[in-house]
Amino acid sequence: VSQSRYMRPNYRTTFETWEAIGSITQGLADTDNETMDAEPVYHGPIPSLKFYASLDHEAKVLDQWIRQALMHERLPRNCVAVLCPTNQHCSNVAALMDSSLNAKAFTTDDIDYTHDGVIVMTMHAAKGLQFPIVAVTGLEQGVIPKAPHGGVDPDEFTQKQRRLFFVASSRAMRRLLVCASERRPSEFVELLDKDQWDLGD
């Protein structure tokens, strides 16, 4: 006997973002059904996918996109989270971003939600959190996904990182940016349907 799935309303992420990131989880084992069985309520702009040539270029891409997002949403800079694959990437990006955004890198244990500026943290640290504006950075092969090590199953290891990428992207309530390396883009970028992403400069 077939059973219909109950779709809960999703008030956290827009329809456009949810549609665009859904392909990340296709074919994954152990997908969280409670998360996936949700129907977005609100609409917004399609998410952005941009490529960077260097870390310095990535910071400039972030600066420009974040300023535009804040202007359109009429929100203060502390409504922005930049999510990175590693703590080192967090530190590097925060140091290179424009000082007017007052970006600061935080570790999992020291996040200050009262910080008057852009919060920069790892994708892992963002689990369970939501921000109006989110940029997911560092999509570079060998960084995310990392090469498997220690005798772990390669497929299982990569799937775990795919789920992390999805969770990080789903932290965005209104606007989402994904930044990928131009020289060595992550294989996860190929999971995205480019028709559902803004690829403009």
C-alpha atoms as a PDB file:
ATOM      1  CA  VAL A   1       0.000   0.000   0.000  1.00  0.00           C
ATOM      2  CA  SER A   2       1.522   3.295  -1.034  1.00  0.00           C
ATOM      3  CA  GLN A   3       1.699   6.062   1.506  1.00  0.00           C
ATOM      4  CA  SER A   4       1.627   9.761   0.708  1.00  0.00           C
ATOM      5  CA  ARG A   5       4.427  11.828   2.221  1.00  0.00           C
ATOM      6  CA  TYR A   6       3.497  14.637   4.538  1.00  0.00           C
ATOM      7  CA  MET A   7       5.268  17.786   3.438  1.00  0.00           C
ATOM      8  CA  ARG A   8       5.912  20.195   6.291  1.00  0.00           C
ATOM      9  CA  PRO A   9       6.053  23.938   5.548  1.00  0.00           C
ATOM     10  CA  ASN A  10       9.615  25.257   5.399  1.00  0.00           C
ATOM     11  CA  TYR A  11       9.751  28.845   6.665  1.00  0.00           C
ATOM     12  CA  ARG A  12      13.546  28.994   6.729  1.00  0.00           C
ATOM     13  CA  THR A  13      14.659  28.743   3.105  1.00  0.00           C
ATOM     14  CA  THR A  14      13.145  30.173  -0.074  1.00  0.00           C
ATOM     15  CA  PHE A  15      11.600  28.018  -2.789  1.00  0.00           C
ATOM     16  CA  GLU A  16      14.320  29.082  -5.246  1.00  0.00           C
ATOM     17  CA  THR A  17      17.186  28.107  -2.936  1.00  0.00           C
ATOM     18  CA  TRP A  18      15.559  24.811  -1.963  1.00  0.00           C
ATOM     19  CA  GLU A  19      15.043  23.877  -5.619  1.00  0.00           C
ATOM     20  CA  ALA A  20      18.598  24.832  -6.561  1.00  0.00           C
ATOM     21  CA  ILE A  21      20.325  22.868  -3.785  1.00  0.00           C
ATOM     22  CA  GLY A  22      18.076  19.808  -3.948  1.00  0.00           C
ATOM     23  CA  SER A  23      20.263  18.203  -6.617  1.00  0.00           C
ATOM     24  CA  ILE A  24      23.155  18.005  -4.118  1.00  0.00           C
ATOM     25  CA  THR A  25      21.374  15.215  -2.237  1.00  0.00           C
ATOM     26  CA  GLN A  26      20.132  13.198  -5.214  1.00  0.00           C
ATOM     27  CA  GLY A  27      21.253   9.584  -4.949  1.00  0.00           C
ATOM     28  CA  LEU A  28      22.669  10.017  -1.468  1.00  0.00           C
ATOM     29  CA  ALA A  29      22.173   7.244   1.053  1.00  0.00           C
ATOM     30  CA  ASP A  30      20.859   8.118   4.518  1.00  0.00           C
ATOM     31  CA  THR A  31      19.392  11.461   3.475  1.00  0.00           C
ATOM     32  CA  ASP A  32      17.562  13.099   6.357  1.00  0.00           C
ATOM     33  CA  ASN A  33      13.902  12.632   5.379  1.00  0.00           C
ATOM     34  CA  GLU A  34      12.745  15.039   8.070  1.00  0.00           C
ATOM     35  CA  THR A  35      14.803  17.736   6.391  1.00  0.00           C
ATOM     36  CA  MET A  36      13.867  16.832   2.833  1.00  0.00           C
ATOM     37  CA  ASP A  37      10.125  16.391   3.421  1.00  0.00           C
ATOM     38  CA  ALA A  38       9.535  20.119   3.548  1.00  0.00           C
ATOM     39  CA  GLU A  39       7.875  22.577   1.189  1.00  0.00           C
ATOM     40  CA  PRO A  40       9.214  26.160   1.169  1.00  0.00           C
ATOM     41  CA  VAL A  41       6.704  28.924   1.800  1.00  0.00           C
ATOM     42  CA  TYR A  42       8.581  32.030   0.694  1.00  0.00           C
ATOM     43  CA  HIS A  43      10.016  33.074  -2.674  1.00  0.00           C
ATOM     44  CA  GLY A  44      13.164  35.054  -3.399  1.00  0.00           C
ATOM     45  CA  PRO A  45      15.971  35.462  -5.940  1.00  0.00           C
ATOM     46  CA  ILE A  46      17.706  32.405  -7.352  1.00  0.00           C
ATOM     47  CA  PRO A  47      21.032  31.699  -5.629  1.00  0.00           C
ATOM     48  CA  SER A  48      24.338  32.810  -7.152  1.00  0.00           C
ATOM     49  CA  LEU A  49      27.267  30.661  -8.276  1.00  0.00           C
ATOM     50  CA  LYS A  50      30.553  32.508  -8.817  1.00  0.00           C
ATOM     51  CA  PHE A  51      34.099  31.379  -9.568  1.00  0.00           C
ATOM     52  CA  TYR A  52      37.331  32.813  -8.178  1.00  0.00           C
ATOM     53  CA  ALA A  53      40.889  32.704  -9.492  1.00  0.00           C
ATOM     54  CA  SER A  54      42.654  33.178  -6.133  1.00  0.00           C
ATOM     55  CA  LEU A  55      41.887  33.676  -2.460  1.00  0.00           C
ATOM     56  CA  ASP A  56      42.202  37.431  -2.886  1.00  0.00           C
ATOM     57  CA  HIS A  57      39.772  37.314  -5.809  1.00  0.00           C
ATOM     58  CA  GLU A  58      37.352  35.222  -3.749  1.00  0.00           C
ATOM     59  CA  ALA A  59      37.357  37.897  -1.039  1.00  0.00           C
ATOM     60  CA  LYS A  60      36.554  40.560  -3.632  1.00  0.00           C
ATOM     61  CA  VAL A  61      33.700  38.435  -5.011  1.00  0.00           C
ATOM     62  CA  LEU A  62      32.341  38.105  -1.483  1.00  0.00           C
ATOM     63  CA  ASP A  63      32.651  41.843  -0.796  1.00  0.00           C
ATOM     64  CA  GLN A  64      30.704  42.810  -3.901  1.00  0.00           C
ATOM     65  CA  TRP A  65      27.987  40.181  -3.565  1.00  0.00           C
ATOM     66  CA  ILE A  66      27.442  40.785   0.161  1.00  0.00           C
ATOM     67  CA  ARG A  67      27.140  44.554  -0.296  1.00  0.00           C
ATOM     68  CA  GLN A  68      24.531  44.073  -3.020  1.00  0.00           C
ATOM     69  CA  ALA A  69      22.626  41.496  -0.961  1.00  0.00           C
ATOM     70  CA  LEU A  70      22.548  43.778   2.085  1.00  0.00           C
ATOM     71  CA  MET A  71      21.331  46.674  -0.028  1.00  0.00           C
ATOM     72  CA  HIS A  72      18.520  44.650  -1.626  1.00  0.00           C
ATOM     73  CA  GLU A  73      17.426  43.077   1.657  1.00  0.00           C
ATOM     74  CA  ARG A  74      17.940  46.277   3.663  1.00  0.00           C
ATOM     75  CA  LEU A  75      19.682  44.368   6.413  1.00  0.00           C
ATOM     76  CA  PRO A  76      22.717  45.111   8.618  1.00  0.00           C
ATOM     77  CA  ARG A  77      26.024  43.356   8.013  1.00  0.00           C
ATOM     78  CA  ASN A  78      25.599  41.053  11.030  1.00  0.00           C
ATOM     79  CA  CYS A  79      22.863  39.206   9.101  1.00  0.00           C
ATOM     80  CA  VAL A  80      25.551  37.631   6.887  1.00  0.00           C
ATOM     81  CA  ALA A  81      27.423  34.363   7.405  1.00  0.00           C
ATOM     82  CA  VAL A  82      30.344  33.209   5.283  1.00  0.00           C
ATOM     83  CA  LEU A  83      30.789  29.436   5.594  1.00  0.00           C
ATOM     84  CA  CYS A  84      34.171  27.889   4.800  1.00  0.00           C
ATOM     85  CA  PRO A  85      35.497  24.316   4.573  1.00  0.00           C
ATOM     86  CA  THR A  86      38.300  24.844   7.149  1.00  0.00           C
ATOM     87  CA  ASN A  87      39.251  27.169   9.994  1.00  0.00           C
ATOM     88  CA  GLN A  88      42.300  28.292   8.000  1.00  0.00           C
ATOM     89  CA  HIS A  89      40.086  29.291   5.083  1.00  0.00           C
ATOM     90  CA  CYS A  90      37.904  31.221   7.539  1.00  0.00           C
ATOM     91  CA  SER A  91      40.894  33.179   8.831  1.00  0.00           C
ATOM     92  CA  ASN A  92      42.241  33.903   5.353  1.00  0.00           C
ATOM     93  CA  VAL A  93      38.922  35.075   3.924  1.00  0.00           C
ATOM     94  CA  ALA A  94      38.041  37.247   6.934  1.00  0.00           C
ATOM     95  CA  ALA A  95      41.441  38.955   6.782  1.00  0.00           C
ATOM     96  CA  LEU A  96      41.079  39.763   3.078  1.00  0.00           C
ATOM     97  CA  MET A  97      37.495  41.029   3.059  1.00  0.00           C
ATOM     98  CA  ASP A  98      36.794  44.766   2.988  1.00  0.00           C
ATOM     99  CA  SER A  99      37.061  46.350   6.429  1.00  0.00           C
ATOM    100  CA  SER A 100      33.662  48.033   6.007  1.00  0.00           C
ATOM    101  CA  LEU A 101      32.028  44.609   6.417  1.00  0.00           C
ATOM    102  CA  ASN A 102      33.928  43.972   9.674  1.00  0.00           C
ATOM    103  CA  ALA A 103      34.264  40.258   8.900  1.00  0.00           C
ATOM    104  CA  LYS A 104      35.553  38.108  11.741  1.00  0.00           C
ATOM    105  CA  ALA A 105      36.469  34.428  11.795  1.00  0.00           C
ATOM    106  CA  PHE A 106      35.047  32.336  14.633  1.00  0.00           C
ATOM    107  CA  THR A 107      35.628  28.760  15.716  1.00  0.00           C
ATOM    108  CA  THR A 108      32.805  26.457  16.785  1.00  0.00           C
ATOM    109  CA  ASP A 109      33.359  27.255  20.459  1.00  0.00           C
ATOM    110  CA  ASP A 110      33.653  31.037  20.300  1.00  0.00           C
ATOM    111  CA  ILE A 111      30.927  32.274  17.914  1.00  0.00           C
ATOM    112  CA  ASP A 112      29.691  35.711  19.000  1.00  0.00           C
ATOM    113  CA  TYR A 113      26.236  36.301  17.560  1.00  0.00           C
ATOM    114  CA  THR A 114      26.326  39.914  18.776  1.00  0.00           C
ATOM    115  CA  HIS A 115      29.334  40.687  16.564  1.00  0.00           C
ATOM    116  CA  ASP A 116      28.651  43.844  14.550  1.00  0.00           C
ATOM    117  CA  GLY A 117      29.844  42.486  11.237  1.00  0.00           C
ATOM    118  CA  VAL A 118      29.956  39.483   8.939  1.00  0.00           C
ATOM    119  CA  ILE A 119      30.361  36.179  10.767  1.00  0.00           C
ATOM    120  CA  VAL A 120      32.847  33.786   9.172  1.00  0.00           C
ATOM    121  CA  MET A 121      32.757  30.160  10.349  1.00  0.00           C
ATOM    122  CA  THR A 122      33.186  26.611   9.103  1.00  0.00           C
ATOM    123  CA  MET A 123      30.388  24.693   7.431  1.00  0.00           C
ATOM    124  CA  HIS A 124      30.448  22.284  10.380  1.00  0.00           C
ATOM    125  CA  ALA A 125      29.950  25.120  12.872  1.00  0.00           C
ATOM    126  CA  ALA A 126      26.871  26.366  11.000  1.00  0.00           C
ATOM    127  CA  LYS A 127      24.816  23.212  11.549  1.00  0.00           C
ATOM    128  CA  GLY A 128      21.511  24.084  13.182  1.00  0.00           C
ATOM    129  CA  LEU A 129      21.893  27.817  12.491  1.00  0.00           C
ATOM    130  CA  GLN A 130      20.136  30.108   9.989  1.00  0.00           C
ATOM    131  CA  PHE A 131      21.158  33.448   8.510  1.00  0.00           C
ATOM    132  CA  PRO A 132      19.290  35.738   6.093  1.00  0.00           C
ATOM    133  CA  ILE A 133      22.330  35.945   3.800  1.00  0.00           C
ATOM    134  CA  VAL A 134      24.832  33.092   3.382  1.00  0.00           C
ATOM    135  CA  ALA A 135      27.938  32.617   1.250  1.00  0.00           C
ATOM    136  CA  VAL A 136      29.388  29.104   0.997  1.00  0.00           C
ATOM    137  CA  THR A 137      33.049  29.354  -0.010  1.00  0.00           C
ATOM    138  CA  GLY A 138      36.087  27.285  -0.912  1.00  0.00           C
ATOM    139  CA  LEU A 139      34.497  24.800  -3.320  1.00  0.00           C
ATOM    140  CA  GLU A 140      37.808  23.448  -4.551  1.00  0.00           C
ATOM    141  CA  GLN A 141      38.722  19.869  -5.414  1.00  0.00           C
ATOM    142  CA  GLY A 142      40.869  18.404  -2.662  1.00  0.00           C
ATOM    143  CA  VAL A 143      39.398  20.844  -0.120  1.00  0.00           C
ATOM    144  CA  ILE A 144      35.747  19.836  -0.330  1.00  0.00           C
ATOM    145  CA  PRO A 145      35.574  17.033  -0.984  1.00  0.00           C
ATOM    146  CA  LYS A 146      38.820  16.183   0.714  1.00  0.00           C
ATOM    147  CA  ALA A 147      40.704  13.074  -0.360  1.00  0.00           C
ATOM    148  CA  PRO A 148      39.686  10.084   1.811  1.00  0.00           C
ATOM    149  CA  HIS A 149      42.265   8.948   4.332  1.00  0.00           C
ATOM    150  CA  GLY A 150      42.741   6.423   7.122  1.00  0.00           C
ATOM    151  CA  GLY A 151      41.182   3.492   5.289  1.00  0.00           C
ATOM    152  CA  VAL A 152      37.671   4.977   5.216  1.00  0.00           C
ATOM    153  CA  ASP A 153      35.280   4.022   2.435  1.00  0.00           C
ATOM    154  CA  PRO A 154      35.824   6.627  -0.348  1.00  0.00           C
ATOM    155  CA  ASP A 155      32.172   6.750  -1.443  1.00  0.00           C
ATOM    156  CA  GLU A 156      30.870   7.067   2.095  1.00  0.00           C
ATOM    157  CA  PHE A 157      33.468   9.738   2.857  1.00  0.00           C
ATOM    158  CA  THR A 158      32.485  11.805  -0.196  1.00  0.00           C
ATOM    159  CA  GLN A 159      28.753  11.404   0.511  1.00  0.00           C
ATOM    160  CA  LYS A 160      29.276  12.726   4.016  1.00  0.00           C
ATOM    161  CA  GLN A 161      30.909  15.847   2.578  1.00  0.00           C
ATOM    162  CA  ARG A 162      28.097  16.235   0.044  1.00  0.00           C
ATOM    163  CA  ARG A 163      25.632  16.273   2.936  1.00  0.00           C
ATOM    164  CA  LEU A 164      27.775  18.911   4.642  1.00  0.00           C
ATOM    165  CA  PHE A 165      27.714  21.069   1.494  1.00  0.00           C
ATOM    166  CA  PHE A 166      23.920  20.731   1.352  1.00  0.00           C
ATOM    167  CA  VAL A 167      23.489  21.611   5.031  1.00  0.00           C
ATOM    168  CA  ALA A 168      25.758  24.660   4.651  1.00  0.00           C
ATOM    169  CA  SER A 169      23.798  25.865   1.612  1.00  0.00           C
ATOM    170  CA  SER A 170      20.467  25.343   3.373  1.00  0.00           C
ATOM    171  CA  ARG A 171      21.479  27.777   6.148  1.00  0.00           C
ATOM    172  CA  ALA A 172      20.453  30.634   3.813  1.00  0.00           C
ATOM    173  CA  MET A 173      17.050  32.114   4.584  1.00  0.00           C
ATOM    174  CA  ARG A 174      16.869  34.739   1.802  1.00  0.00           C
ATOM    175  CA  ARG A 175      20.009  34.809  -0.342  1.00  0.00           C
ATOM    176  CA  LEU A 176      22.714  32.252  -1.093  1.00  0.00           C
ATOM    177  CA  LEU A 177      26.073  32.488  -2.847  1.00  0.00           C
ATOM    178  CA  VAL A 178      28.340  29.530  -3.631  1.00  0.00           C
ATOM    179  CA  CYS A 179      31.985  30.361  -4.492  1.00  0.00           C
ATOM    180  CA  ALA A 180      34.035  27.778  -6.397  1.00  0.00           C
ATOM    181  CA  SER A 181      37.614  27.634  -7.583  1.00  0.00           C
ATOM    182  CA  GLU A 182      38.001  28.519 -11.245  1.00  0.00           C
ATOM    183  CA  ARG A 183      41.180  26.453 -11.602  1.00  0.00           C
ATOM    184  CA  ARG A 184      40.162  23.364  -9.617  1.00  0.00           C
ATOM    185  CA  PRO A 185      36.400  23.464  -9.050  1.00  0.00           C
ATOM    186  CA  SER A 186      34.966  20.930  -6.633  1.00  0.00           C
ATOM    187  CA  GLU A 187      33.212  17.981  -8.220  1.00  0.00           C
ATOM    188  CA  PHE A 188      30.171  19.096  -6.204  1.00  0.00           C
ATOM    189  CA  VAL A 189      29.747  22.056  -8.556  1.00  0.00           C
ATOM    190  CA  GLU A 190      28.796  19.567 -11.281  1.00  0.00           C
ATOM    191  CA  LEU A 191      25.815  18.496  -9.157  1.00  0.00           C
ATOM    192  CA  LEU A 192      24.211  21.925  -9.581  1.00  0.00           C
ATOM    193  CA  ASP A 193      21.708  22.619 -12.338  1.00  0.00           C
ATOM    194  CA  LYS A 194      23.128  25.849 -13.750  1.00  0.00           C
ATOM    195  CA  ASP A 195      19.653  26.916 -14.982  1.00  0.00           C
ATOM    196  CA  GLN A 196      18.675  27.376 -11.318  1.00  0.00           C
ATOM    197  CA  TRP A 197      21.672  29.573 -10.458  1.00  0.00           C
ATOM    198  CA  ASP A 198      22.677  33.136 -11.265  1.00  0.00           C
ATOM    199  CA  LEU A 199      26.042  32.879 -13.000  1.00  0.00           C
ATOM    200  CA  GLY A 200      26.405  36.590 -13.774  1.00  0.00           C
ATOM    201  CA  ASP A 201      29.333  38.781 -12.774  1.00  0.00           C
END
